[in-house]
Amino acid sequence: MRKNKTRDLCLCAVFAALTAVGAFIKIPVPVCPFTLQLLFTTLAGLLIGKKLGALSVAVYVIIGLLGVPVFTQGGGFGYVLQPTFGYLIGYIAGTYLTGAIAQGSKEPTFLRLLAASLGGLLVVYLFGMIYLYIICNYVLDAAYTVGYVVLYCFVLAVPGDIVLCGVASVIAKRLRPVLMKGEIM
């Protein structure tokens, strides 16, 4: 059982804020912009665990849906019709999985942290690409083929995100011992 709920709430708020900041650090590429959101959502799972990490990302998404312009292209409930909204849902699920894999060991190795990060990345891409395909083809009537979605939303985007997973794993390996002393995990 958690001993310091105030600290947990603060950590959730910090990671929700970092995720919002990560949305504005972006490199424009066709269809799906490259941002640092993945770095911060991955770190949330690795550092504060599956439940708190996913909660922090869910708070970020809810704030954006309520109209605060924290997403890469604004905010508001209408954002659910943006083709990239699936990635936001994927961040929640991916953060949970990342945290679950990382929490499976008291002192995970770098490879375990990297595997957790890559597992979360896979979930983000699955949610994002499926949602983009469905919204574009069945709601927005913008005929995207599966091949187009895979090329622009996976092949061209995944190398940078794999690097972010590596960076997150290195950071987490260094910070986890410090955070464990405060009984966060």
Protein backbone atom coordinates (compact mmCIF):
# COMPACT_ATOMS: atom_id res chain seq x y z
CA MET A 1 0.00 0.00 0.00
CA ARG A 2 1.23 3.46 -0.83
CA LYS A 3 2.30 5.54 2.13
CA ASN A 4 2.40 8.97 0.55
CA LYS A 5 -0.62 9.77 -1.61
CA THR A 6 0.39 13.42 -1.90
CA ARG A 7 3.69 12.40 -3.45
CA ASP A 8 1.88 10.05 -5.85
CA LEU A 9 -0.47 12.83 -6.94
CA CYS A 10 2.47 15.18 -7.46
CA LEU A 11 4.31 12.60 -9.58
CA CYS A 12 1.19 12.02 -11.69
CA ALA A 13 0.85 15.77 -12.20
CA VAL A 14 4.52 16.11 -13.13
CA PHE A 15 4.29 13.37 -15.76
CA ALA A 16 1.00 14.75 -17.12
CA ALA A 17 2.72 18.14 -17.49
CA LEU A 18 5.84 16.61 -19.06
CA THR A 19 3.66 14.78 -21.57
CA ALA A 20 1.96 18.07 -22.47
CA VAL A 21 5.36 19.74 -22.92
CA GLY A 22 6.47 16.77 -25.04
CA ALA A 23 3.56 17.39 -27.40
CA PHE A 24 5.00 20.77 -28.34
CA ILE A 25 8.52 19.50 -28.95
CA LYS A 26 7.89 18.07 -32.39
CA ILE A 27 9.36 17.38 -35.77
CA PRO A 28 6.71 17.63 -38.49
CA VAL A 29 6.50 14.54 -40.66
CA PRO A 30 3.59 13.52 -42.90
CA VAL A 31 0.47 12.13 -41.19
CA CYS A 32 1.89 11.52 -37.67
CA PRO A 33 4.19 14.21 -36.19
CA PHE A 34 7.23 13.03 -34.21
CA THR A 35 7.04 14.37 -30.64
CA LEU A 36 8.63 13.72 -27.27
CA GLN A 37 5.35 12.56 -25.75
CA LEU A 38 6.50 8.96 -26.04
CA LEU A 39 9.64 9.71 -24.03
CA PHE A 40 7.62 11.07 -21.11
CA THR A 41 4.85 8.49 -21.21
CA THR A 42 7.47 5.72 -21.29
CA LEU A 43 9.33 7.31 -18.38
CA ALA A 44 6.04 7.49 -16.47
CA GLY A 45 5.61 3.73 -16.78
CA LEU A 46 9.24 2.98 -16.00
CA LEU A 47 9.56 5.34 -13.04
CA ILE A 48 6.19 5.54 -11.30
CA GLY A 49 4.69 2.22 -12.34
CA LYS A 50 1.80 0.90 -14.35
CA LYS A 51 -1.11 2.41 -12.41
CA LEU A 52 0.30 5.84 -11.61
CA GLY A 53 1.97 6.08 -15.00
CA ALA A 54 -1.22 5.25 -16.89
CA LEU A 55 -3.17 7.59 -14.60
CA SER A 56 -0.80 10.46 -15.38
CA VAL A 57 -1.28 9.96 -19.11
CA ALA A 58 -5.06 9.60 -18.68
CA VAL A 59 -5.10 12.92 -16.79
CA TYR A 60 -3.21 14.51 -19.70
CA VAL A 61 -5.72 13.14 -22.23
CA ILE A 62 -8.72 14.24 -20.14
CA ILE A 63 -7.31 17.74 -19.73
CA GLY A 64 -6.88 17.95 -23.50
CA LEU A 65 -10.39 16.65 -24.18
CA LEU A 66 -11.79 19.25 -21.78
CA GLY A 67 -10.42 21.94 -24.11
CA VAL A 68 -6.99 22.84 -22.79
CA PRO A 69 -4.74 22.95 -25.90
CA VAL A 70 -2.18 20.39 -24.72
CA PHE A 71 -2.27 18.10 -27.76
CA THR A 72 0.01 18.61 -30.76
CA GLN A 73 -2.83 20.27 -32.67
CA GLY A 74 -4.89 21.85 -29.88
CA GLY A 75 -7.51 20.30 -27.64
CA GLY A 76 -11.24 19.83 -27.11
CA PHE A 77 -13.62 16.91 -27.37
CA GLY A 78 -13.63 17.16 -31.16
CA TYR A 79 -10.03 15.94 -31.06
CA VAL A 80 -11.38 12.37 -30.94
CA LEU A 81 -11.97 12.80 -34.68
CA GLN A 82 -8.30 13.62 -35.31
CA PRO A 83 -6.60 10.71 -37.04
CA THR A 84 -3.80 10.73 -34.45
CA PHE A 85 -6.08 10.50 -31.39
CA GLY A 86 -5.52 6.74 -31.28
CA TYR A 87 -1.93 7.37 -30.30
CA LEU A 88 -3.14 9.24 -27.22
CA ILE A 89 -5.25 6.25 -26.22
CA GLY A 90 -2.25 4.07 -27.00
CA TYR A 91 -0.06 6.15 -24.67
CA ILE A 92 -2.32 5.19 -21.76
CA ALA A 93 -2.26 1.47 -22.58
CA GLY A 94 1.43 1.54 -23.54
CA THR A 95 2.39 3.27 -20.30
CA TYR A 96 0.48 0.64 -18.34
CA LEU A 97 2.23 -2.22 -20.14
CA THR A 98 5.63 -0.55 -19.81
CA GLY A 99 5.09 -0.16 -16.07
CA ALA A 100 3.84 -3.72 -15.69
CA ILE A 101 6.91 -5.19 -17.37
CA ALA A 102 9.31 -2.89 -15.51
CA GLN A 103 7.64 -3.59 -12.14
CA GLY A 104 8.06 -7.32 -12.64
CA SER A 105 11.52 -7.02 -11.08
CA LYS A 106 12.70 -5.13 -8.00
CA GLU A 107 15.87 -3.99 -9.78
CA PRO A 108 15.31 -4.48 -13.50
CA THR A 109 18.27 -4.64 -15.85
CA PHE A 110 18.69 -2.15 -18.67
CA LEU A 111 17.52 -4.85 -21.09
CA ARG A 112 14.33 -5.42 -19.10
CA LEU A 113 13.64 -1.67 -19.07
CA LEU A 114 14.30 -1.51 -22.80
CA ALA A 115 12.00 -4.49 -23.41
CA ALA A 116 9.31 -2.77 -21.31
CA SER A 117 9.76 0.43 -23.31
CA LEU A 118 9.59 -1.37 -26.65
CA GLY A 119 6.53 -3.35 -25.53
CA GLY A 120 4.78 -0.10 -24.64
CA LEU A 121 5.86 1.39 -27.98
CA LEU A 122 4.29 -1.54 -29.82
CA VAL A 123 0.99 -0.96 -28.01
CA VAL A 124 1.08 2.77 -28.84
CA TYR A 125 1.63 2.03 -32.52
CA LEU A 126 -1.08 -0.64 -32.62
CA PHE A 127 -3.68 1.69 -31.12
CA GLY A 128 -2.52 4.65 -33.18
CA MET A 129 -2.37 2.96 -36.56
CA ILE A 130 -5.65 1.09 -36.19
CA TYR A 131 -7.45 4.23 -35.01
CA LEU A 132 -5.94 6.33 -37.82
CA TYR A 133 -6.97 3.79 -40.44
CA ILE A 134 -10.54 3.56 -39.12
CA ILE A 135 -11.05 7.33 -38.69
CA CYS A 136 -9.57 8.18 -42.07
CA ASN A 137 -11.39 5.50 -44.03
CA TYR A 138 -14.76 5.32 -42.29
CA VAL A 139 -15.30 8.71 -40.65
CA LEU A 140 -13.29 11.31 -42.56
CA ASP A 141 -13.63 9.55 -45.92
CA ALA A 142 -9.92 9.99 -46.69
CA ALA A 143 -9.04 6.66 -48.27
CA TYR A 144 -5.73 5.53 -46.70
CA THR A 145 -4.51 2.08 -47.58
CA VAL A 146 -3.01 -0.21 -44.97
CA GLY A 147 0.31 0.13 -46.79
CA TYR A 148 0.19 3.93 -46.56
CA VAL A 149 -0.57 3.80 -42.84
CA VAL A 150 2.22 1.29 -42.19
CA LEU A 151 4.72 3.34 -44.22
CA TYR A 152 3.98 6.79 -42.80
CA CYS A 153 2.85 5.83 -39.30
CA PHE A 154 5.29 3.03 -38.59
CA VAL A 155 8.24 2.61 -40.93
CA LEU A 156 9.12 6.32 -41.10
CA ALA A 157 8.27 7.09 -37.46
CA VAL A 158 9.50 4.09 -35.48
CA PRO A 159 13.29 4.65 -35.72
CA GLY A 160 13.07 7.90 -33.72
CA ASP A 161 10.74 6.30 -31.19
CA ILE A 162 13.07 3.35 -30.74
CA VAL A 163 15.81 5.84 -29.90
CA LEU A 164 13.43 7.49 -27.39
CA CYS A 165 12.82 4.06 -25.81
CA GLY A 166 16.57 3.63 -25.40
CA VAL A 167 16.92 7.10 -23.88
CA ALA A 168 14.02 6.45 -21.49
CA SER A 169 15.57 3.14 -20.44
CA VAL A 170 18.94 4.76 -19.70
CA ILE A 171 17.28 7.55 -17.69
CA ALA A 172 15.08 5.07 -15.81
CA LYS A 173 18.02 2.81 -14.96
CA ARG A 174 19.74 5.80 -13.32
CA LEU A 175 16.66 7.26 -11.58
CA ARG A 176 14.87 4.12 -10.35
CA PRO A 177 17.27 3.53 -7.42
CA VAL A 178 16.74 7.12 -6.27
CA LEU A 179 12.95 6.85 -6.56
CA MET A 180 12.90 3.43 -4.88
CA LYS A 181 14.36 5.02 -1.75
CA GLY A 182 11.21 7.13 -1.57
CA GLU A 183 9.06 3.98 -1.97
CA ILE A 184 7.41 5.21 -5.16
CA MET A 185 7.54 1.97 -7.05
